[in-house]
N, C-alpha and C. Protein backbone atom coordinates (compact mmCIF):
# COMPACT_ATOMS: atom_id res chain seq x y z
N MET A 1 2.52 -7.02 27.38
CA MET A 1 2.92 -6.32 26.15
C MET A 1 3.35 -7.30 25.08
N ALA A 2 4.06 -8.35 25.47
CA ALA A 2 4.50 -9.36 24.49
C ALA A 2 3.31 -10.06 23.88
N ALA A 3 2.29 -10.35 24.73
CA ALA A 3 1.10 -11.01 24.22
C ALA A 3 0.38 -10.12 23.23
N ALA A 4 0.31 -8.81 23.55
CA ALA A 4 -0.33 -7.86 22.64
C ALA A 4 0.40 -7.80 21.31
N GLY A 5 1.75 -7.82 21.39
CA GLY A 5 2.54 -7.80 20.16
C GLY A 5 2.27 -9.02 19.30
N SER A 6 2.17 -10.18 19.95
CA SER A 6 1.89 -11.41 19.21
C SER A 6 0.52 -11.35 18.56
N TYR A 7 -0.45 -10.77 19.29
CA TYR A 7 -1.81 -10.65 18.76
C TYR A 7 -1.82 -9.80 17.50
N PHE A 8 -1.14 -8.65 17.55
CA PHE A 8 -1.10 -7.78 16.39
C PHE A 8 -0.38 -8.46 15.23
N SER A 9 0.69 -9.22 15.51
CA SER A 9 1.41 -9.93 14.45
C SER A 9 0.52 -10.94 13.76
N ILE A 10 -0.29 -11.66 14.55
CA ILE A 10 -1.20 -12.65 13.98
C ILE A 10 -2.25 -11.97 13.12
N ILE A 11 -2.79 -10.84 13.61
CA ILE A 11 -3.79 -10.10 12.85
C ILE A 11 -3.21 -9.63 11.52
N ALA A 12 -1.98 -9.10 11.56
CA ALA A 12 -1.34 -8.61 10.34
C ALA A 12 -1.13 -9.74 9.35
N LEU A 13 -0.74 -10.92 9.83
CA LEU A 13 -0.53 -12.08 8.95
C LEU A 13 -1.85 -12.50 8.31
N ILE A 14 -2.92 -12.51 9.11
CA ILE A 14 -4.24 -12.87 8.57
C ILE A 14 -4.66 -11.89 7.49
N ILE A 15 -4.41 -10.60 7.73
CA ILE A 15 -4.76 -9.58 6.75
C ILE A 15 -4.00 -9.80 5.46
N LEU A 16 -2.68 -10.06 5.57
CA LEU A 16 -1.87 -10.27 4.38
C LEU A 16 -2.37 -11.45 3.56
N ILE A 17 -2.67 -12.56 4.23
CA ILE A 17 -3.14 -13.75 3.52
C ILE A 17 -4.49 -13.48 2.86
N HIS A 18 -5.38 -12.82 3.61
CA HIS A 18 -6.71 -12.55 3.08
C HIS A 18 -6.65 -11.62 1.88
N LEU A 19 -5.82 -10.58 1.99
CA LEU A 19 -5.73 -9.62 0.90
C LEU A 19 -5.10 -10.23 -0.33
N ALA A 20 -4.09 -11.07 -0.13
CA ALA A 20 -3.45 -11.72 -1.27
C ALA A 20 -4.42 -12.63 -2.00
N THR A 21 -5.31 -13.28 -1.25
CA THR A 21 -6.27 -14.20 -1.85
C THR A 21 -7.35 -13.45 -2.62
N ASN A 22 -7.71 -12.25 -2.14
CA ASN A 22 -8.85 -11.54 -2.70
C ASN A 22 -8.46 -10.28 -3.45
N LEU A 23 -7.21 -10.17 -3.87
CA LEU A 23 -6.73 -8.94 -4.48
C LEU A 23 -7.47 -8.61 -5.76
N ASN A 24 -7.71 -9.59 -6.62
CA ASN A 24 -8.37 -9.32 -7.88
C ASN A 24 -9.77 -8.77 -7.69
N SER A 25 -10.50 -9.32 -6.73
CA SER A 25 -11.84 -8.82 -6.48
C SER A 25 -11.81 -7.42 -5.90
N CYS A 26 -10.77 -7.13 -5.13
CA CYS A 26 -10.64 -5.78 -4.55
C CYS A 26 -10.40 -4.75 -5.64
N SER A 27 -9.58 -5.11 -6.64
CA SER A 27 -9.23 -4.17 -7.68
C SER A 27 -10.43 -3.81 -8.53
N ALA A 28 -11.45 -4.68 -8.57
CA ALA A 28 -12.64 -4.42 -9.35
C ALA A 28 -13.80 -3.95 -8.47
N ALA A 29 -13.48 -3.50 -7.28
CA ALA A 29 -14.51 -3.19 -6.30
C ALA A 29 -15.32 -1.97 -6.71
N THR A 30 -16.57 -1.95 -6.30
CA THR A 30 -17.43 -0.79 -6.44
C THR A 30 -17.79 -0.31 -5.05
N PRO A 31 -18.20 0.97 -4.91
CA PRO A 31 -18.49 1.48 -3.58
C PRO A 31 -19.50 0.63 -2.82
N ILE A 32 -19.23 0.42 -1.56
CA ILE A 32 -20.09 -0.39 -0.71
C ILE A 32 -20.71 0.52 0.34
N ARG A 33 -22.02 0.45 0.51
CA ARG A 33 -22.69 1.27 1.51
C ARG A 33 -22.92 0.44 2.77
N HIS A 34 -22.25 0.84 3.81
CA HIS A 34 -22.38 0.17 5.09
C HIS A 34 -22.91 1.16 6.12
N SER A 35 -23.35 0.65 7.20
CA SER A 35 -23.68 1.49 8.34
C SER A 35 -22.93 0.95 9.54
N GLY A 36 -22.90 1.72 10.60
CA GLY A 36 -22.23 1.25 11.79
C GLY A 36 -21.01 2.09 12.11
N ARG A 37 -20.62 1.99 13.37
CA ARG A 37 -19.51 2.80 13.87
C ARG A 37 -18.21 2.50 13.14
N ASN A 38 -17.92 1.23 12.87
CA ASN A 38 -16.66 0.87 12.23
C ASN A 38 -16.53 1.50 10.85
N THR A 39 -17.61 1.45 10.07
CA THR A 39 -17.57 2.02 8.73
C THR A 39 -17.51 3.54 8.78
N ARG A 40 -18.20 4.13 9.74
CA ARG A 40 -18.13 5.60 9.88
C ARG A 40 -16.71 6.04 10.20
N PHE A 41 -16.04 5.24 11.00
CA PHE A 41 -14.64 5.55 11.33
C PHE A 41 -13.78 5.54 10.07
N ILE A 42 -13.98 4.55 9.21
CA ILE A 42 -13.21 4.46 7.97
C ILE A 42 -13.55 5.62 7.04
N ARG A 43 -14.84 5.91 6.90
CA ARG A 43 -15.25 7.00 6.01
C ARG A 43 -14.64 8.33 6.47
N THR A 44 -14.73 8.60 7.76
CA THR A 44 -14.18 9.85 8.30
C THR A 44 -12.67 9.90 8.12
N SER A 45 -12.01 8.78 8.37
CA SER A 45 -10.55 8.72 8.22
C SER A 45 -10.15 8.93 6.77
N CYS A 46 -10.88 8.34 5.85
CA CYS A 46 -10.54 8.43 4.43
C CYS A 46 -10.68 9.85 3.89
N ARG A 47 -11.54 10.64 4.50
CA ARG A 47 -11.72 12.02 4.04
C ARG A 47 -10.46 12.85 4.22
N THR A 48 -9.54 12.40 5.06
CA THR A 48 -8.30 13.14 5.30
C THR A 48 -7.22 12.76 4.30
N THR A 49 -7.48 11.79 3.42
CA THR A 49 -6.50 11.35 2.44
C THR A 49 -6.69 12.06 1.11
N LEU A 50 -5.73 11.89 0.21
CA LEU A 50 -5.83 12.50 -1.12
C LEU A 50 -6.73 11.71 -2.05
N GLN A 51 -7.06 10.48 -1.67
CA GLN A 51 -7.90 9.61 -2.50
C GLN A 51 -9.04 9.05 -1.64
N PRO A 52 -9.96 9.89 -1.19
CA PRO A 52 -10.99 9.42 -0.24
C PRO A 52 -11.90 8.33 -0.79
N SER A 53 -12.26 8.40 -2.07
CA SER A 53 -13.16 7.39 -2.64
C SER A 53 -12.48 6.03 -2.72
N LEU A 54 -11.27 6.00 -3.28
CA LEU A 54 -10.51 4.75 -3.36
C LEU A 54 -10.26 4.21 -1.96
N CYS A 55 -9.93 5.08 -1.05
CA CYS A 55 -9.66 4.69 0.33
C CYS A 55 -10.86 3.97 0.94
N PHE A 56 -12.04 4.58 0.82
CA PHE A 56 -13.22 3.99 1.45
C PHE A 56 -13.65 2.70 0.77
N VAL A 57 -13.65 2.70 -0.56
CA VAL A 57 -14.05 1.50 -1.30
C VAL A 57 -13.15 0.32 -0.91
N THR A 58 -11.87 0.58 -0.78
CA THR A 58 -10.91 -0.49 -0.50
C THR A 58 -10.96 -0.94 0.96
N LEU A 59 -10.96 0.00 1.87
CA LEU A 59 -10.84 -0.34 3.29
C LEU A 59 -12.15 -0.71 3.96
N SER A 60 -13.27 -0.27 3.40
CA SER A 60 -14.55 -0.57 4.04
C SER A 60 -14.83 -2.07 4.07
N ARG A 61 -14.20 -2.83 3.20
CA ARG A 61 -14.36 -4.28 3.19
C ARG A 61 -13.79 -4.92 4.46
N TYR A 62 -12.93 -4.19 5.15
CA TYR A 62 -12.27 -4.74 6.33
C TYR A 62 -12.69 -4.00 7.60
N ALA A 63 -13.89 -3.41 7.56
CA ALA A 63 -14.36 -2.60 8.68
C ALA A 63 -14.44 -3.38 9.98
N THR A 64 -14.94 -4.61 9.91
CA THR A 64 -15.07 -5.39 11.14
C THR A 64 -13.72 -5.80 11.69
N ARG A 65 -12.72 -5.90 10.83
CA ARG A 65 -11.39 -6.25 11.29
C ARG A 65 -10.66 -5.04 11.85
N ILE A 66 -10.89 -3.89 11.24
CA ILE A 66 -10.24 -2.65 11.70
C ILE A 66 -10.82 -2.19 13.03
N ARG A 67 -12.13 -2.33 13.19
CA ARG A 67 -12.81 -2.09 14.47
C ARG A 67 -12.56 -0.69 15.05
N GLY A 68 -12.43 0.30 14.22
CA GLY A 68 -12.23 1.65 14.72
C GLY A 68 -10.86 1.90 15.31
N SER A 69 -9.90 1.02 15.03
CA SER A 69 -8.54 1.16 15.58
C SER A 69 -7.62 1.85 14.58
N PRO A 70 -7.04 3.01 14.94
CA PRO A 70 -6.09 3.67 14.03
C PRO A 70 -4.91 2.77 13.68
N ARG A 71 -4.50 1.91 14.60
CA ARG A 71 -3.39 1.01 14.34
C ARG A 71 -3.77 -0.05 13.31
N PHE A 72 -4.94 -0.65 13.48
CA PHE A 72 -5.39 -1.64 12.50
C PHE A 72 -5.66 -0.99 11.15
N LEU A 73 -6.14 0.25 11.17
CA LEU A 73 -6.38 0.97 9.93
C LEU A 73 -5.07 1.15 9.17
N ALA A 74 -4.03 1.59 9.86
CA ALA A 74 -2.73 1.78 9.22
C ALA A 74 -2.16 0.46 8.73
N THR A 75 -2.27 -0.59 9.55
CA THR A 75 -1.72 -1.89 9.17
C THR A 75 -2.45 -2.46 7.96
N THR A 76 -3.77 -2.32 7.94
CA THR A 76 -4.55 -2.83 6.81
C THR A 76 -4.22 -2.06 5.54
N ALA A 77 -4.09 -0.74 5.64
CA ALA A 77 -3.74 0.07 4.47
C ALA A 77 -2.35 -0.30 3.95
N LEU A 78 -1.42 -0.54 4.85
CA LEU A 78 -0.09 -0.98 4.44
C LEU A 78 -0.16 -2.34 3.74
N SER A 79 -0.97 -3.24 4.27
CA SER A 79 -1.10 -4.57 3.68
C SER A 79 -1.69 -4.51 2.28
N LEU A 80 -2.68 -3.63 2.09
CA LEU A 80 -3.26 -3.45 0.77
C LEU A 80 -2.24 -2.89 -0.21
N ALA A 81 -1.49 -1.91 0.23
CA ALA A 81 -0.44 -1.34 -0.63
C ALA A 81 0.61 -2.39 -0.96
N PHE A 82 0.98 -3.19 0.03
CA PHE A 82 1.98 -4.25 -0.17
C PHE A 82 1.51 -5.25 -1.23
N ASN A 83 0.30 -5.75 -1.08
CA ASN A 83 -0.20 -6.76 -2.00
C ASN A 83 -0.43 -6.21 -3.40
N THR A 84 -0.90 -4.98 -3.50
CA THR A 84 -1.11 -4.36 -4.80
C THR A 84 0.22 -4.13 -5.50
N THR A 85 1.23 -3.72 -4.75
CA THR A 85 2.56 -3.52 -5.32
C THR A 85 3.14 -4.85 -5.80
N ARG A 86 2.97 -5.88 -5.02
CA ARG A 86 3.46 -7.20 -5.40
C ARG A 86 2.77 -7.71 -6.67
N PHE A 87 1.47 -7.52 -6.75
CA PHE A 87 0.71 -7.93 -7.92
C PHE A 87 1.16 -7.17 -9.17
N ALA A 88 1.35 -5.85 -9.02
CA ALA A 88 1.79 -5.03 -10.15
C ALA A 88 3.17 -5.45 -10.62
N THR A 89 4.05 -5.77 -9.68
CA THR A 89 5.40 -6.20 -10.04
C THR A 89 5.37 -7.50 -10.84
N LYS A 90 4.55 -8.44 -10.40
CA LYS A 90 4.43 -9.72 -11.12
C LYS A 90 3.91 -9.51 -12.53
N SER A 91 2.94 -8.61 -12.68
CA SER A 91 2.38 -8.36 -14.01
C SER A 91 3.41 -7.71 -14.93
N MET A 92 4.30 -6.88 -14.36
CA MET A 92 5.34 -6.26 -15.17
C MET A 92 6.41 -7.26 -15.58
N ILE A 93 6.71 -8.19 -14.70
CA ILE A 93 7.66 -9.24 -15.03
C ILE A 93 7.12 -10.07 -16.19
N THR A 94 5.83 -10.38 -16.14
CA THR A 94 5.19 -11.13 -17.23
C THR A 94 5.23 -10.32 -18.52
N LEU A 95 4.93 -9.04 -18.42
CA LEU A 95 4.94 -8.17 -19.60
C LEU A 95 6.34 -8.07 -20.20
N SER A 96 7.36 -8.07 -19.35
CA SER A 96 8.74 -7.92 -19.84
C SER A 96 9.20 -9.12 -20.67
N LYS A 97 8.49 -10.25 -20.54
CA LYS A 97 8.86 -11.45 -21.29
C LYS A 97 8.23 -11.51 -22.67
N ARG A 98 7.40 -10.53 -22.96
CA ARG A 98 6.76 -10.49 -24.27
C ARG A 98 7.75 -10.09 -25.36
N HIS A 99 7.56 -10.64 -26.51
CA HIS A 99 8.40 -10.28 -27.65
C HIS A 99 7.90 -8.97 -28.26
N GLY A 100 8.79 -8.27 -28.89
CA GLY A 100 8.41 -7.06 -29.61
C GLY A 100 8.53 -5.78 -28.82
N LEU A 101 9.01 -5.85 -27.59
CA LEU A 101 9.19 -4.63 -26.81
C LEU A 101 10.38 -3.84 -27.35
N LYS A 102 10.22 -2.53 -27.40
CA LYS A 102 11.34 -1.68 -27.77
C LYS A 102 12.38 -1.70 -26.65
N ARG A 103 13.60 -1.36 -26.99
CA ARG A 103 14.66 -1.35 -25.99
C ARG A 103 14.35 -0.39 -24.86
N ARG A 104 13.78 0.76 -25.21
CA ARG A 104 13.43 1.76 -24.18
C ARG A 104 12.32 1.23 -23.28
N GLU A 105 11.37 0.51 -23.84
CA GLU A 105 10.27 -0.04 -23.06
C GLU A 105 10.77 -1.14 -22.11
N ALA A 106 11.64 -1.99 -22.63
CA ALA A 106 12.21 -3.05 -21.79
C ALA A 106 13.02 -2.45 -20.65
N ALA A 107 13.76 -1.39 -20.93
CA ALA A 107 14.55 -0.73 -19.89
C ALA A 107 13.65 -0.10 -18.83
N ALA A 108 12.55 0.52 -19.28
CA ALA A 108 11.61 1.13 -18.35
C ALA A 108 10.99 0.08 -17.44
N LEU A 109 10.68 -1.08 -17.99
CA LEU A 109 10.11 -2.15 -17.18
C LEU A 109 11.11 -2.65 -16.14
N ARG A 110 12.37 -2.76 -16.54
CA ARG A 110 13.40 -3.20 -15.59
C ARG A 110 13.51 -2.23 -14.43
N VAL A 111 13.45 -0.94 -14.74
CA VAL A 111 13.49 0.08 -13.68
C VAL A 111 12.29 -0.07 -12.75
N CYS A 112 11.11 -0.25 -13.34
CA CYS A 112 9.89 -0.38 -12.53
C CYS A 112 9.94 -1.60 -11.63
N VAL A 113 10.37 -2.72 -12.19
CA VAL A 113 10.45 -3.95 -11.40
C VAL A 113 11.42 -3.77 -10.24
N GLU A 114 12.55 -3.13 -10.51
CA GLU A 114 13.54 -2.90 -9.45
C GLU A 114 13.01 -1.95 -8.38
N GLU A 115 12.39 -0.85 -8.82
CA GLU A 115 11.89 0.14 -7.87
C GLU A 115 10.73 -0.42 -7.04
N LEU A 116 9.82 -1.12 -7.70
CA LEU A 116 8.69 -1.69 -6.97
C LEU A 116 9.13 -2.83 -6.06
N GLY A 117 10.21 -3.51 -6.45
CA GLY A 117 10.78 -4.53 -5.57
C GLY A 117 11.27 -3.92 -4.27
N ASP A 118 11.91 -2.74 -4.39
CA ASP A 118 12.33 -2.02 -3.18
C ASP A 118 11.12 -1.60 -2.35
N SER A 119 10.08 -1.16 -3.05
CA SER A 119 8.86 -0.74 -2.37
C SER A 119 8.22 -1.89 -1.60
N ILE A 120 8.22 -3.07 -2.19
CA ILE A 120 7.68 -4.26 -1.52
C ILE A 120 8.43 -4.52 -0.21
N ASP A 121 9.75 -4.46 -0.26
CA ASP A 121 10.56 -4.69 0.94
C ASP A 121 10.26 -3.64 2.02
N GLU A 122 10.14 -2.39 1.60
CA GLU A 122 9.90 -1.31 2.55
C GLU A 122 8.52 -1.43 3.21
N LEU A 123 7.53 -1.78 2.42
CA LEU A 123 6.19 -1.96 2.96
C LEU A 123 6.11 -3.17 3.88
N LYS A 124 6.79 -4.23 3.49
CA LYS A 124 6.81 -5.44 4.32
C LYS A 124 7.46 -5.15 5.67
N ASP A 125 8.59 -4.45 5.65
CA ASP A 125 9.26 -4.09 6.90
C ASP A 125 8.36 -3.20 7.76
N SER A 126 7.63 -2.30 7.13
CA SER A 126 6.75 -1.39 7.85
C SER A 126 5.63 -2.16 8.54
N ILE A 127 5.03 -3.10 7.82
CA ILE A 127 3.96 -3.92 8.40
C ILE A 127 4.48 -4.70 9.60
N GLY A 128 5.65 -5.30 9.44
CA GLY A 128 6.22 -6.08 10.52
C GLY A 128 6.50 -5.27 11.76
N LYS A 129 7.08 -4.08 11.57
CA LYS A 129 7.42 -3.25 12.73
C LYS A 129 6.18 -2.68 13.39
N LEU A 130 5.20 -2.27 12.61
CA LEU A 130 3.98 -1.71 13.18
C LEU A 130 3.17 -2.78 13.91
N SER A 131 3.26 -4.02 13.46
CA SER A 131 2.49 -5.10 14.05
C SER A 131 3.09 -5.59 15.36
N ARG A 132 4.39 -5.40 15.53
CA ARG A 132 5.06 -5.99 16.69
C ARG A 132 5.04 -5.12 17.93
N HIS A 133 4.87 -3.82 17.77
CA HIS A 133 5.11 -2.92 18.90
C HIS A 133 3.89 -2.07 19.24
N GLY A 134 3.80 -1.72 20.52
CA GLY A 134 2.70 -0.90 21.01
C GLY A 134 3.03 0.58 20.98
N ALA A 135 2.07 1.37 21.42
CA ALA A 135 2.21 2.82 21.34
C ALA A 135 2.82 3.39 22.62
N GLY A 136 3.51 4.53 22.46
CA GLY A 136 4.01 5.25 23.61
C GLY A 136 5.50 5.12 23.82
N GLY A 137 6.13 6.22 24.29
CA GLY A 137 7.54 6.18 24.63
C GLY A 137 8.46 6.52 23.49
N SER A 138 9.72 6.73 23.85
CA SER A 138 10.72 7.11 22.85
C SER A 138 10.97 6.00 21.84
N THR A 139 10.90 4.75 22.28
CA THR A 139 11.09 3.63 21.36
C THR A 139 10.02 3.63 20.29
N PHE A 140 8.78 3.87 20.71
CA PHE A 140 7.68 3.94 19.75
C PHE A 140 7.92 5.04 18.73
N ARG A 141 8.33 6.21 19.19
CA ARG A 141 8.56 7.33 18.27
C ARG A 141 9.66 6.98 17.27
N SER A 142 10.70 6.31 17.73
CA SER A 142 11.77 5.90 16.84
C SER A 142 11.28 4.89 15.81
N GLN A 143 10.47 3.95 16.25
CA GLN A 143 9.93 2.93 15.36
C GLN A 143 9.00 3.55 14.31
N MET A 144 8.15 4.48 14.75
CA MET A 144 7.24 5.12 13.81
C MET A 144 8.00 5.99 12.82
N SER A 145 9.08 6.60 13.27
CA SER A 145 9.92 7.37 12.36
C SER A 145 10.49 6.49 11.26
N ASP A 146 10.92 5.28 11.64
CA ASP A 146 11.42 4.32 10.65
C ASP A 146 10.33 3.96 9.64
N ILE A 147 9.14 3.68 10.16
CA ILE A 147 8.03 3.29 9.29
C ILE A 147 7.67 4.42 8.33
N GLU A 148 7.58 5.63 8.85
CA GLU A 148 7.26 6.77 7.99
C GLU A 148 8.31 6.95 6.90
N THR A 149 9.58 6.75 7.26
CA THR A 149 10.66 6.86 6.28
C THR A 149 10.53 5.78 5.21
N TRP A 150 10.23 4.55 5.62
CA TRP A 150 10.12 3.45 4.66
C TRP A 150 8.95 3.64 3.71
N VAL A 151 7.80 4.04 4.25
CA VAL A 151 6.62 4.20 3.38
C VAL A 151 6.82 5.39 2.44
N SER A 152 7.44 6.45 2.93
CA SER A 152 7.77 7.58 2.06
C SER A 152 8.71 7.15 0.94
N ALA A 153 9.68 6.30 1.28
CA ALA A 153 10.61 5.79 0.27
C ALA A 153 9.88 4.93 -0.75
N ALA A 154 8.90 4.15 -0.29
CA ALA A 154 8.12 3.32 -1.22
C ALA A 154 7.36 4.20 -2.20
N LEU A 155 6.84 5.32 -1.72
CA LEU A 155 6.13 6.25 -2.59
C LEU A 155 7.08 6.88 -3.60
N THR A 156 8.29 7.18 -3.17
CA THR A 156 9.30 7.71 -4.09
C THR A 156 9.67 6.68 -5.15
N ASP A 157 9.74 5.42 -4.75
CA ASP A 157 10.02 4.34 -5.71
C ASP A 157 8.95 4.30 -6.80
N ASP A 158 7.69 4.48 -6.41
CA ASP A 158 6.60 4.49 -7.38
C ASP A 158 6.78 5.64 -8.37
N ASP A 159 7.15 6.80 -7.85
CA ASP A 159 7.36 7.97 -8.71
C ASP A 159 8.52 7.74 -9.68
N THR A 160 9.57 7.11 -9.19
CA THR A 160 10.73 6.83 -10.05
C THR A 160 10.35 5.90 -11.18
N CYS A 161 9.53 4.91 -10.88
CA CYS A 161 9.04 4.00 -11.91
C CYS A 161 8.29 4.77 -12.98
N MET A 162 7.38 5.65 -12.57
CA MET A 162 6.58 6.40 -13.53
C MET A 162 7.42 7.37 -14.35
N ASP A 163 8.44 7.93 -13.72
CA ASP A 163 9.33 8.84 -14.44
C ASP A 163 10.01 8.13 -15.61
N GLY A 164 10.32 6.85 -15.41
CA GLY A 164 10.98 6.08 -16.46
C GLY A 164 10.09 5.77 -17.64
N LEU A 165 8.80 6.04 -17.51
CA LEU A 165 7.85 5.75 -18.59
C LEU A 165 7.62 6.96 -19.49
N SER A 166 8.27 8.07 -19.17
CA SER A 166 8.11 9.27 -19.99
C SER A 166 8.99 9.17 -21.23
N GLY A 167 8.71 9.98 -22.19
CA GLY A 167 9.53 9.99 -23.42
C GLY A 167 8.74 9.51 -24.62
N LYS A 168 9.04 10.11 -25.77
CA LYS A 168 8.32 9.80 -27.01
C LYS A 168 8.65 8.42 -27.55
N SER A 169 9.76 7.83 -27.11
CA SER A 169 10.17 6.54 -27.65
C SER A 169 9.34 5.37 -27.10
N ILE A 170 8.53 5.66 -26.10
CA ILE A 170 7.71 4.61 -25.50
C ILE A 170 6.30 4.67 -26.07
N ASN A 171 5.82 3.53 -26.50
CA ASN A 171 4.48 3.42 -27.06
C ASN A 171 3.43 3.91 -26.07
N ARG A 172 2.49 4.71 -26.58
CA ARG A 172 1.49 5.31 -25.70
C ARG A 172 0.63 4.26 -25.01
N LYS A 173 0.24 3.23 -25.72
CA LYS A 173 -0.59 2.17 -25.15
C LYS A 173 0.18 1.41 -24.07
N PHE A 174 1.45 1.16 -24.34
CA PHE A 174 2.31 0.48 -23.36
C PHE A 174 2.44 1.33 -22.11
N ARG A 175 2.72 2.61 -22.29
CA ARG A 175 2.90 3.52 -21.15
C ARG A 175 1.63 3.59 -20.31
N SER A 176 0.48 3.70 -20.98
CA SER A 176 -0.78 3.79 -20.27
C SER A 176 -1.06 2.52 -19.46
N ARG A 177 -0.74 1.39 -20.04
CA ARG A 177 -0.99 0.10 -19.37
C ARG A 177 -0.16 -0.02 -18.09
N VAL A 178 1.10 0.35 -18.17
CA VAL A 178 1.97 0.24 -17.01
C VAL A 178 1.65 1.30 -15.96
N ARG A 179 1.44 2.52 -16.43
CA ARG A 179 1.17 3.62 -15.50
C ARG A 179 -0.11 3.38 -14.71
N ARG A 180 -1.11 2.78 -15.35
CA ARG A 180 -2.37 2.51 -14.66
C ARG A 180 -2.15 1.66 -13.42
N ARG A 181 -1.28 0.66 -13.55
CA ARG A 181 -0.97 -0.20 -12.41
C ARG A 181 -0.19 0.55 -11.33
N VAL A 182 0.79 1.32 -11.77
CA VAL A 182 1.66 2.01 -10.82
C VAL A 182 0.92 3.14 -10.10
N VAL A 183 0.01 3.80 -10.81
CA VAL A 183 -0.76 4.88 -10.19
C VAL A 183 -1.59 4.33 -9.04
N LYS A 184 -2.21 3.17 -9.23
CA LYS A 184 -2.99 2.59 -8.13
C LYS A 184 -2.09 2.22 -6.96
N VAL A 185 -0.92 1.67 -7.26
CA VAL A 185 0.05 1.36 -6.21
C VAL A 185 0.40 2.63 -5.43
N ALA A 186 0.68 3.70 -6.17
CA ALA A 186 1.07 4.97 -5.53
C ALA A 186 -0.06 5.53 -4.68
N HIS A 187 -1.28 5.44 -5.19
CA HIS A 187 -2.42 5.96 -4.42
C HIS A 187 -2.62 5.20 -3.12
N LEU A 188 -2.54 3.88 -3.18
CA LEU A 188 -2.72 3.07 -1.97
C LEU A 188 -1.57 3.29 -0.99
N THR A 189 -0.37 3.48 -1.51
CA THR A 189 0.78 3.75 -0.65
C THR A 189 0.63 5.11 0.02
N SER A 190 0.10 6.08 -0.73
CA SER A 190 -0.15 7.41 -0.17
C SER A 190 -1.18 7.35 0.94
N ILE A 191 -2.23 6.56 0.75
CA ILE A 191 -3.26 6.37 1.78
C ILE A 191 -2.64 5.75 3.03
N ALA A 192 -1.82 4.73 2.81
CA ALA A 192 -1.17 4.06 3.94
C ALA A 192 -0.28 5.04 4.70
N LEU A 193 0.46 5.86 3.97
CA LEU A 193 1.34 6.84 4.62
C LEU A 193 0.54 7.84 5.45
N ALA A 194 -0.60 8.26 4.93
CA ALA A 194 -1.45 9.20 5.67
C ALA A 194 -1.89 8.60 7.00
N PHE A 195 -2.25 7.33 7.00
CA PHE A 195 -2.72 6.70 8.23
C PHE A 195 -1.58 6.38 9.19
N VAL A 196 -0.41 6.07 8.64
CA VAL A 196 0.77 5.87 9.48
C VAL A 196 1.13 7.18 10.17
N ASN A 197 1.14 8.27 9.40
CA ASN A 197 1.45 9.59 9.97
C ASN A 197 0.45 9.98 11.04
N ARG A 198 -0.81 9.67 10.78
CA ARG A 198 -1.87 10.01 11.73
C ARG A 198 -1.70 9.20 13.03
N TYR A 199 -1.43 7.92 12.88
CA TYR A 199 -1.25 7.08 14.07
C TYR A 199 -0.05 7.55 14.88
N ALA A 200 1.04 7.88 14.19
CA ALA A 200 2.24 8.35 14.89
C ALA A 200 1.97 9.66 15.62
N ALA A 201 1.21 10.56 14.98
CA ALA A 201 0.95 11.87 15.56
C ALA A 201 0.07 11.80 16.81
N THR A 202 -0.84 10.85 16.83
CA THR A 202 -1.76 10.75 17.96
C THR A 202 -1.12 10.10 19.19
N HIS A 203 0.11 9.61 19.06
CA HIS A 203 0.77 8.96 20.20
C HIS A 203 2.10 9.62 20.54
N LYS A 204 2.26 10.87 20.16
CA LYS A 204 3.48 11.58 20.50
C LYS A 204 3.45 12.03 21.96
């Protein structure tokens, strides 16, 4: 069991590094047509999410790594959400340093950076816990409950960020620019939560 845990931890680390390196190309991805059991597994799984097209386009790139494993699917989805959230946070920090922002806009950015920072921590903890432990037993159920709580909290953080962008005092172009980034973060986090919930449910 310890060896299996180490194996999953190594796989999760490789995924994180790979996704961080290729994040920009992923964000500009177009649908990829693959064949094979691994891709069919991803396509079928993505149909159960609220964003099936985004889900498949994003995750099909890692079909050979996921290998039809619900656990690898959940871990990869979490890693994508983690890296996208981190990238969005960095872009907001850069934007916050620009001159000419209204006070309300600067305040909204501070809220977003803080909320997404919490989301990063929650997703990172979720990846770590899911990567270290196997399925089955009361300990597993407790661990999955923690992960589900953390990913749900990350999704709430995304919503809180977007709520802060409402109001007439915020420039429409500014709001659209920030919301576009956060919406993608929220969608990927929602996909990850769906797969975490599914993995937890199949091992009760």
